Amino acid sequence: MTINSKNYFSNSHSGGRVKRIGFVTSTAFPNLDEDDHIMVKNAINQYECEYCIWDDNEVQWQSFDLLIIRSVWDYVHKFELFKRWMKKIELLGIQVLNDFNIIRWNWNKNYLKELEQAGVSIVPSLFVESTSIPKSLLQYAQEGIQLKKFNKNQYKFVLKPCVGASSYGTYQFTLDNWSDYQQEFSNLVKVSDMIIQPFVETIQSDGETSFIFFNKKFSHSIVKHPSKDDFRVQENYGGTYEKNKNLTQDEIDIAQSIMDYVGKKGKILYTRIDMLRYNNRLCLSECELFEPTLYFMNDDKIAKKFVSMIGENIAKPSDRLVSVSSISIDANVLVVGSPSEIVRGRAKSVSSPLIIGQDELMITKIRNVAI
């Protein structure tokens, strides 16, 4: 189904006003990733839906009841702009899933430190702050061994930025060829904290196991395999995936325990928990709450399940209503904190919104509202 990203589409003929959902994506994926198409096919039976490129200035964001973050994989290269877009959406009072508090927590892989401190087994990681005096990759590898984070005979390692998507900035190096990657590491650590990890050999034999959750409940599991010439499992590097045919309840329970911890942090529609087997136990590689592929695999049953969870998460007007309590200045624009319906100009107590400022944020004159 090919739909122009500026047009809405819906097969719903139910009575009353149909909820409008924007699937937020990027220029490279104007109609979302292909894996999501079966989900959208089901969503249009219940909602008005639109593909929205997050940095397209023509999108009328205030027209949506809900935004669902999907293929925004270019945010890494426009990080400051993306953060400003998030702020704009927050000021418009539009519900977003997963919510922005979760996304802010998740977009920096330093969250792995918190999970490790909470008792989660993670792939052993040495975190390097961008503000620290950089050392050589060899020194970091040796430090990890000395701290007993890495096995004493560890030879292969992986470096990756704490802020990144689709294996951006991820490289494998060894104790012998580390100098070939030193300059790349030095460039990356100037703009992002970094992680040094042991290369987990089982990714070649067992693959990476992903557990997908909808509304914090386990849905399905897949196994991703790298190509024989690479260690990254993403399809753009030649990786493949398959349904997990050897899933055990113990493995689901491990993933669910991680989900239960993370789930306390806010409204979560979808989660993908990626795990690798290291030293004979499942260890968390990443907990994806921002823009993960969810592996619908053209399975109508999985897609219907996801769409049903959308309905459970759409905020009722009473859930979104908050008292008007503050006035703030942001980017030279006066913004009145208010109920989302008021900010979006739908309530009777609001005059027509005024559009001012470079960011075109709305100001409303609020009447008959107790402060």
Protein backbone atom coordinates (compact mmCIF):
# COMPACT_ATOMS: atom_id res chain seq x y z
CA MET A 1 0.00 0.00 0.00
CA THR A 2 1.68 3.18 -1.17
CA ILE A 3 0.28 6.35 0.39
CA ASN A 4 1.57 9.89 -0.01
CA SER A 5 2.83 10.96 3.40
CA LYS A 6 0.76 14.16 3.28
CA ASN A 7 -2.56 12.37 2.72
CA TYR A 8 -4.57 10.60 5.38
CA PHE A 9 -6.10 7.21 4.76
CA SER A 10 -8.87 5.35 6.53
CA ASN A 11 -11.31 2.54 5.89
CA SER A 12 -13.21 3.24 9.11
CA HIS A 13 -16.89 4.10 8.79
CA SER A 14 -17.80 4.02 12.47
CA GLY A 15 -19.98 6.71 13.95
CA GLY A 16 -18.55 9.74 15.70
CA ARG A 17 -15.21 11.37 15.15
CA VAL A 18 -12.52 8.87 14.20
CA LYS A 19 -9.24 9.27 16.07
CA ARG A 20 -6.39 10.58 13.91
CA ILE A 21 -3.05 8.83 14.25
CA GLY A 22 0.23 10.02 12.78
CA PHE A 23 2.91 7.40 12.19
CA VAL A 24 6.11 9.41 12.54
CA THR A 25 8.86 8.52 10.11
CA SER A 26 11.79 9.98 8.16
CA THR A 27 12.51 11.10 4.62
CA ALA A 28 14.23 7.85 3.72
CA PHE A 29 11.13 5.88 4.81
CA PRO A 30 8.18 8.12 3.86
CA ASN A 31 5.73 5.19 4.03
CA LEU A 32 7.42 3.52 7.01
CA ASP A 33 9.61 0.45 6.90
CA GLU A 34 8.07 -2.37 4.87
CA ASP A 35 7.68 -4.52 7.98
CA ASP A 36 5.12 -2.03 9.37
CA HIS A 37 2.79 -2.17 6.35
CA ILE A 38 0.71 -5.08 7.68
CA MET A 39 0.21 -3.13 10.91
CA VAL A 40 -0.94 0.01 9.05
CA LYS A 41 -3.29 -2.11 6.93
CA ASN A 42 -5.04 -3.14 10.15
CA ALA A 43 -4.88 0.30 11.79
CA ILE A 44 -6.80 2.00 8.98
CA ASN A 45 -9.83 -0.14 9.80
CA GLN A 46 -10.22 1.79 13.06
CA TYR A 47 -8.45 5.12 12.68
CA GLU A 48 -7.60 7.91 10.29
CA CYS A 49 -3.90 7.39 9.74
CA GLU A 50 -1.17 9.45 8.16
CA TYR A 51 2.53 9.02 7.54
CA CYS A 52 4.36 12.07 8.92
CA ILE A 53 7.99 12.91 8.27
CA TRP A 54 9.17 14.37 11.55
CA ASP A 55 11.18 17.27 10.06
CA ASP A 56 8.63 18.18 7.37
CA ASN A 57 7.57 21.75 8.17
CA GLU A 58 4.26 21.32 6.32
CA VAL A 59 2.85 18.71 8.71
CA GLN A 60 -0.06 20.05 10.78
CA TRP A 61 0.85 18.27 13.99
CA GLN A 62 -1.99 19.79 16.01
CA SER A 63 -4.52 17.86 13.90
CA PHE A 64 -3.53 14.51 15.46
CA ASP A 65 -4.91 12.76 18.50
CA LEU A 66 -1.90 10.47 18.76
CA LEU A 67 1.58 10.18 17.25
CA ILE A 68 3.34 6.80 17.09
CA ILE A 69 7.10 6.95 16.62
CA ARG A 70 8.35 4.55 13.96
CA SER A 71 11.12 4.87 11.32
CA VAL A 72 12.86 8.05 12.51
CA TRP A 73 16.30 6.53 12.04
CA ASP A 74 17.92 9.71 10.74
CA TYR A 75 17.57 11.48 14.11
CA VAL A 76 21.16 10.48 14.95
CA HIS A 77 22.45 12.90 12.31
CA LYS A 78 20.02 15.68 13.29
CA PHE A 79 19.95 15.14 17.02
CA GLU A 80 19.53 18.75 18.18
CA LEU A 81 16.83 19.38 15.57
CA PHE A 82 15.02 16.22 16.68
CA LYS A 83 15.08 17.36 20.30
CA ARG A 84 13.58 20.70 19.28
CA TRP A 85 10.86 18.86 17.35
CA MET A 86 10.06 16.83 20.46
CA LYS A 87 9.76 19.99 22.50
CA LYS A 88 7.42 21.46 19.92
CA ILE A 89 5.15 18.40 20.04
CA GLU A 90 5.12 18.51 23.83
CA LEU A 91 4.08 22.16 23.81
CA LEU A 92 1.22 21.31 21.45
CA GLY A 93 0.00 18.78 24.03
CA ILE A 94 -0.19 15.84 21.61
CA GLN A 95 0.03 12.32 23.01
CA VAL A 96 3.03 10.36 21.75
CA LEU A 97 3.83 6.65 22.00
CA ASN A 98 6.17 5.70 23.25
CA ASP A 99 6.08 8.79 25.40
CA PHE A 100 8.96 11.25 25.24
CA ASN A 101 10.11 10.64 28.80
CA ILE A 102 10.72 7.01 27.87
CA ILE A 103 12.45 7.99 24.63
CA ARG A 104 14.77 10.44 26.37
CA TRP A 105 15.73 7.74 28.85
CA ASN A 106 16.26 5.20 26.09
CA TRP A 107 18.09 7.09 23.36
CA ASN A 108 21.32 7.09 25.37
CA LYS A 109 22.67 3.61 26.05
CA ASN A 110 23.87 4.75 29.45
CA TYR A 111 20.50 3.34 30.56
CA LEU A 112 22.31 -0.02 30.54
CA LYS A 113 24.22 1.08 33.65
CA GLU A 114 20.95 1.64 35.49
CA LEU A 115 19.60 -1.74 34.45
CA GLU A 116 22.83 -3.45 35.50
CA GLN A 117 22.64 -1.76 38.91
CA ALA A 118 19.04 -2.99 39.16
CA GLY A 119 20.26 -6.57 38.77
CA VAL A 120 19.85 -7.11 35.02
CA SER A 121 22.61 -9.13 33.36
CA ILE A 122 23.92 -7.00 30.50
CA VAL A 123 26.64 -7.70 27.96
CA PRO A 124 29.74 -6.56 29.93
CA SER A 125 30.29 -2.90 29.12
CA LEU A 126 32.94 -0.27 29.76
CA PHE A 127 31.39 3.21 29.44
CA VAL A 128 33.53 6.08 28.20
CA GLU A 129 32.24 9.61 28.79
CA SER A 130 32.69 12.11 25.99
CA THR A 131 34.02 14.62 28.52
CA SER A 132 36.80 12.31 29.70
CA ILE A 133 40.40 12.41 28.51
CA PRO A 134 40.44 9.78 25.76
CA LYS A 135 42.70 6.75 25.93
CA SER A 136 43.66 4.27 23.27
CA LEU A 137 41.27 1.43 22.47
CA LEU A 138 43.97 -0.96 23.67
CA GLN A 139 44.02 0.76 27.05
CA TYR A 140 40.23 0.54 27.34
CA ALA A 141 40.31 -3.16 26.46
CA GLN A 142 43.02 -3.80 29.04
CA GLU A 143 41.11 -1.75 31.62
CA GLY A 144 38.01 -3.88 31.08
CA ILE A 145 40.07 -7.02 31.63
CA GLN A 146 41.69 -5.60 34.77
CA LEU A 147 38.27 -4.66 36.15
CA LYS A 148 37.16 -8.24 35.38
CA LYS A 149 34.37 -6.94 33.17
CA PHE A 150 35.90 -8.86 30.26
CA ASN A 151 37.36 -12.36 30.25
CA LYS A 152 41.13 -12.31 30.75
CA ASN A 153 41.66 -14.03 27.39
CA GLN A 154 39.28 -11.68 25.50
CA TYR A 155 40.73 -10.81 22.09
CA LYS A 156 37.89 -9.30 20.06
CA PHE A 157 35.91 -6.23 21.10
CA VAL A 158 33.12 -3.96 19.88
CA LEU A 159 32.88 -0.18 20.15
CA LYS A 160 29.65 1.75 19.73
CA PRO A 161 28.28 5.22 20.53
CA CYS A 162 25.76 5.57 23.33
CA VAL A 163 23.53 7.57 20.98
CA GLY A 164 23.00 5.73 17.73
CA ALA A 165 20.63 3.66 15.61
CA SER A 166 20.95 0.83 13.08
CA SER A 167 24.53 0.05 14.19
CA TYR A 168 25.69 3.58 13.41
CA GLY A 169 29.31 3.96 14.57
CA THR A 170 29.60 0.29 15.59
CA TYR A 171 32.93 -1.43 14.86
CA GLN A 172 34.72 -4.62 15.81
CA PHE A 173 38.40 -4.47 16.73
CA THR A 174 41.03 -6.77 18.24
CA LEU A 175 44.05 -6.43 20.49
CA ASP A 176 46.15 -6.43 17.31
CA ASN A 177 44.28 -4.10 14.93
CA TRP A 178 42.86 -1.59 17.47
CA SER A 179 44.94 1.26 16.00
CA ASP A 180 43.01 0.95 12.70
CA TYR A 181 39.88 2.09 14.55
CA GLN A 182 41.42 4.61 16.95
CA GLN A 183 40.70 7.66 14.77
CA GLU A 184 37.08 6.62 14.25
CA PHE A 185 36.70 6.16 17.99
CA SER A 186 38.32 9.53 18.68
CA ASN A 187 35.88 11.24 16.29
CA LEU A 188 32.84 9.55 17.83
CA VAL A 189 33.76 10.17 21.46
CA LYS A 190 33.90 13.91 20.78
CA VAL A 191 30.14 13.97 20.27
CA SER A 192 28.84 10.96 22.23
CA ASP A 193 29.62 8.78 25.19
CA MET A 194 30.95 5.43 24.01
CA ILE A 195 30.71 1.77 25.02
CA ILE A 196 33.44 -0.85 24.76
CA GLN A 197 32.20 -4.44 24.95
CA PRO A 198 33.65 -7.89 24.36
CA PHE A 199 32.69 -9.35 21.01
CA VAL A 200 30.11 -12.02 21.83
CA GLU A 201 31.07 -15.01 19.69
CA THR A 202 27.68 -16.70 20.04
CA ILE A 203 26.14 -14.11 17.75
CA GLN A 204 27.71 -16.10 14.90
CA SER A 205 26.30 -19.44 16.07
CA ASP A 206 23.14 -18.66 18.05
CA GLY A 207 22.31 -15.19 16.73
CA GLU A 208 20.70 -12.38 18.72
CA THR A 209 17.34 -13.15 20.33
CA SER A 210 14.71 -10.42 20.36
CA PHE A 211 11.63 -10.39 22.57
CA ILE A 212 8.84 -8.06 21.41
CA PHE A 213 6.30 -6.66 23.86
CA PHE A 214 3.09 -4.74 23.14
CA ASN A 215 1.68 -2.72 26.03
CA LYS A 216 4.30 -4.34 28.30
CA LYS A 217 2.98 -7.83 27.51
CA PHE A 218 5.03 -10.43 25.66
CA SER A 219 3.95 -10.84 22.03
CA HIS A 220 6.53 -12.82 20.05
CA SER A 221 10.22 -13.55 19.61
CA ILE A 222 12.60 -13.69 16.68
CA VAL A 223 16.25 -14.61 16.18
CA LYS A 224 18.52 -12.39 14.08
CA HIS A 225 21.64 -13.69 12.36
CA PRO A 226 24.54 -11.74 10.84
CA SER A 227 25.90 -12.61 7.42
CA LYS A 228 29.03 -14.76 7.35
CA ASP A 229 31.09 -11.69 6.45
CA ASP A 230 29.80 -9.37 9.19
CA PHE A 231 28.90 -9.31 12.88
CA ARG A 232 25.95 -6.88 12.67
CA VAL A 233 22.49 -8.40 12.43
CA GLN A 234 20.72 -5.52 10.68
CA GLU A 235 19.36 -6.36 7.24
CA ASN A 236 21.24 -3.49 5.60
CA TYR A 237 24.44 -5.34 6.60
CA GLY A 238 23.21 -8.63 5.18
CA GLY A 239 21.58 -9.91 8.36
CA THR A 240 18.58 -12.23 8.35
CA TYR A 241 15.90 -13.14 10.90
CA GLU A 242 13.48 -15.95 11.65
CA LYS A 243 10.77 -16.77 14.16
CA ASN A 244 12.17 -18.12 17.39
CA LYS A 245 11.37 -21.83 17.24
CA ASN A 246 13.23 -22.80 20.40
CA LEU A 247 11.78 -20.29 22.85
CA THR A 248 11.55 -21.35 26.50
CA GLN A 249 9.41 -19.97 29.29
CA ASP A 250 12.54 -19.23 31.32
CA GLU A 251 13.80 -16.97 28.53
CA ILE A 252 10.45 -15.17 28.32
CA ASP A 253 10.55 -14.69 32.10
CA ILE A 254 14.00 -13.10 31.91
CA ALA A 255 12.84 -10.66 29.24
CA GLN A 256 9.60 -9.97 31.11
CA SER A 257 11.53 -9.06 34.26
CA ILE A 258 13.39 -6.39 32.26
CA MET A 259 10.10 -5.21 30.78
CA ASP A 260 8.55 -4.98 34.25
CA TYR A 261 11.37 -2.73 35.47
CA VAL A 262 11.32 -0.47 32.43
CA GLY A 263 7.52 -0.44 32.36
CA LYS A 264 7.38 1.60 35.55
CA LYS A 265 8.87 4.57 33.72
CA GLY A 266 5.82 5.56 31.69
CA LYS A 267 3.38 4.87 28.86
CA ILE A 268 4.88 2.19 26.61
CA LEU A 269 3.14 0.79 23.53
CA TYR A 270 6.03 -1.28 22.20
CA THR A 271 9.36 -2.66 23.39
CA ARG A 272 12.00 -4.86 21.82
CA ILE A 273 14.48 -6.52 24.16
CA ASP A 274 17.60 -7.81 22.39
CA MET A 275 19.69 -10.44 24.16
CA LEU A 276 22.89 -12.38 23.51
CA ARG A 277 24.19 -15.52 25.16
CA TYR A 278 27.46 -14.70 26.93
CA ASN A 279 29.24 -17.04 29.35
CA ASN A 280 26.30 -19.43 29.07
CA ARG A 281 23.60 -16.97 30.14
CA LEU A 282 21.28 -14.57 28.37
CA CYS A 283 22.54 -11.00 28.67
CA LEU A 284 20.80 -7.82 27.64
CA SER A 285 22.33 -6.21 24.58
CA GLU A 286 19.80 -3.38 24.14
CA CYS A 287 16.30 -2.49 25.30
CA GLU A 288 14.69 -0.74 22.32
CA LEU A 289 11.91 1.68 23.24
CA PHE A 290 12.42 4.38 20.63
CA GLU A 291 12.21 3.29 17.00
CA PRO A 292 12.72 -0.48 16.81
CA THR A 293 11.66 -2.79 14.02
CA LEU A 294 8.91 -4.89 15.61
CA TYR A 295 9.01 -7.83 13.18
CA PHE A 296 5.36 -8.13 12.24
CA MET A 297 6.60 -10.45 9.46
CA ASN A 298 3.37 -9.96 7.51
CA ASP A 299 1.58 -11.81 10.30
CA ASP A 300 -1.98 -10.51 10.53
CA LYS A 301 -2.43 -11.90 14.03
CA ILE A 302 0.57 -9.95 15.39
CA ALA A 303 -0.56 -6.80 13.59
CA LYS A 304 -4.10 -7.03 14.99
CA LYS A 305 -2.69 -7.48 18.48
CA PHE A 306 -0.59 -4.32 18.13
CA VAL A 307 -3.52 -2.27 16.82
CA SER A 308 -5.71 -3.40 19.71
CA MET A 309 -3.02 -2.14 22.09
CA ILE A 310 -3.14 1.28 20.41
CA GLY A 311 -6.74 1.59 21.50
CA GLU A 312 -5.82 0.71 25.09
CA ASN A 313 -3.22 3.48 25.13
CA ILE A 314 -5.08 6.39 23.55
CA ALA A 315 -5.56 8.90 26.33
CA LYS A 316 -9.09 9.90 27.25
CA PRO A 317 -9.76 13.65 27.43
CA SER A 318 -9.91 13.37 31.23
CA ASP A 319 -6.47 11.72 31.23
CA ARG A 320 -4.99 14.55 29.21
CA LEU A 321 -6.69 17.35 31.17
CA VAL A 322 -4.38 19.17 33.56
CA SER A 323 -4.89 22.46 35.39
CA VAL A 324 -3.45 25.61 33.89
CA SER A 325 -0.66 26.43 36.26
CA SER A 326 2.31 27.99 34.51
CA ILE A 327 3.53 30.33 31.85
CA SER A 328 7.00 29.80 30.40
CA ILE A 329 9.27 31.28 27.79
CA ASP A 330 10.88 28.91 25.29
CA ALA A 331 12.75 29.90 22.13
CA ASN A 332 11.36 33.44 22.39
CA VAL A 333 7.80 32.14 22.29
CA LEU A 334 5.30 32.60 25.10
CA VAL A 335 3.67 29.26 25.91
CA VAL A 336 0.78 28.78 28.31
CA GLY A 337 0.71 25.38 30.04
CA SER A 338 -2.84 24.03 29.58
CA PRO A 339 -4.99 21.02 28.75
CA SER A 340 -4.02 19.51 25.41
CA GLU A 341 -7.46 20.06 23.92
CA ILE A 342 -7.19 23.76 24.80
CA VAL A 343 -3.68 24.12 23.41
CA ARG A 344 -4.85 22.50 20.20
CA GLY A 345 -7.70 25.00 19.89
CA ARG A 346 -10.62 22.57 20.24
CA ALA A 347 -12.16 23.72 23.53
CA LYS A 348 -14.91 26.34 23.54
CA SER A 349 -13.07 28.41 26.12
CA VAL A 350 -10.23 29.15 23.68
CA SER A 351 -10.01 31.77 20.99
CA SER A 352 -8.50 30.84 17.63
CA PRO A 353 -4.84 29.93 18.05
CA LEU A 354 -2.24 32.45 16.97
CA ILE A 355 0.83 31.20 15.12
CA ILE A 356 3.98 33.17 15.90
CA GLY A 357 7.72 32.73 16.06
CA GLN A 358 10.13 30.81 13.88
CA ASP A 359 9.04 27.49 15.33
CA GLU A 360 5.37 28.28 14.68
CA LEU A 361 4.31 27.32 18.18
CA MET A 362 0.72 28.12 19.12
CA ILE A 363 -0.32 30.64 21.72
CA THR A 364 -3.90 30.57 22.90
CA LYS A 365 -5.88 33.10 24.90
CA ILE A 366 -7.53 31.15 27.66
CA ARG A 367 -10.83 32.31 29.12
CA ASN A 368 -12.98 31.01 31.94
CA VAL A 369 -10.33 28.59 33.18
CA ALA A 370 -9.52 28.51 36.87
CA ILE A 371 -5.83 29.02 37.62
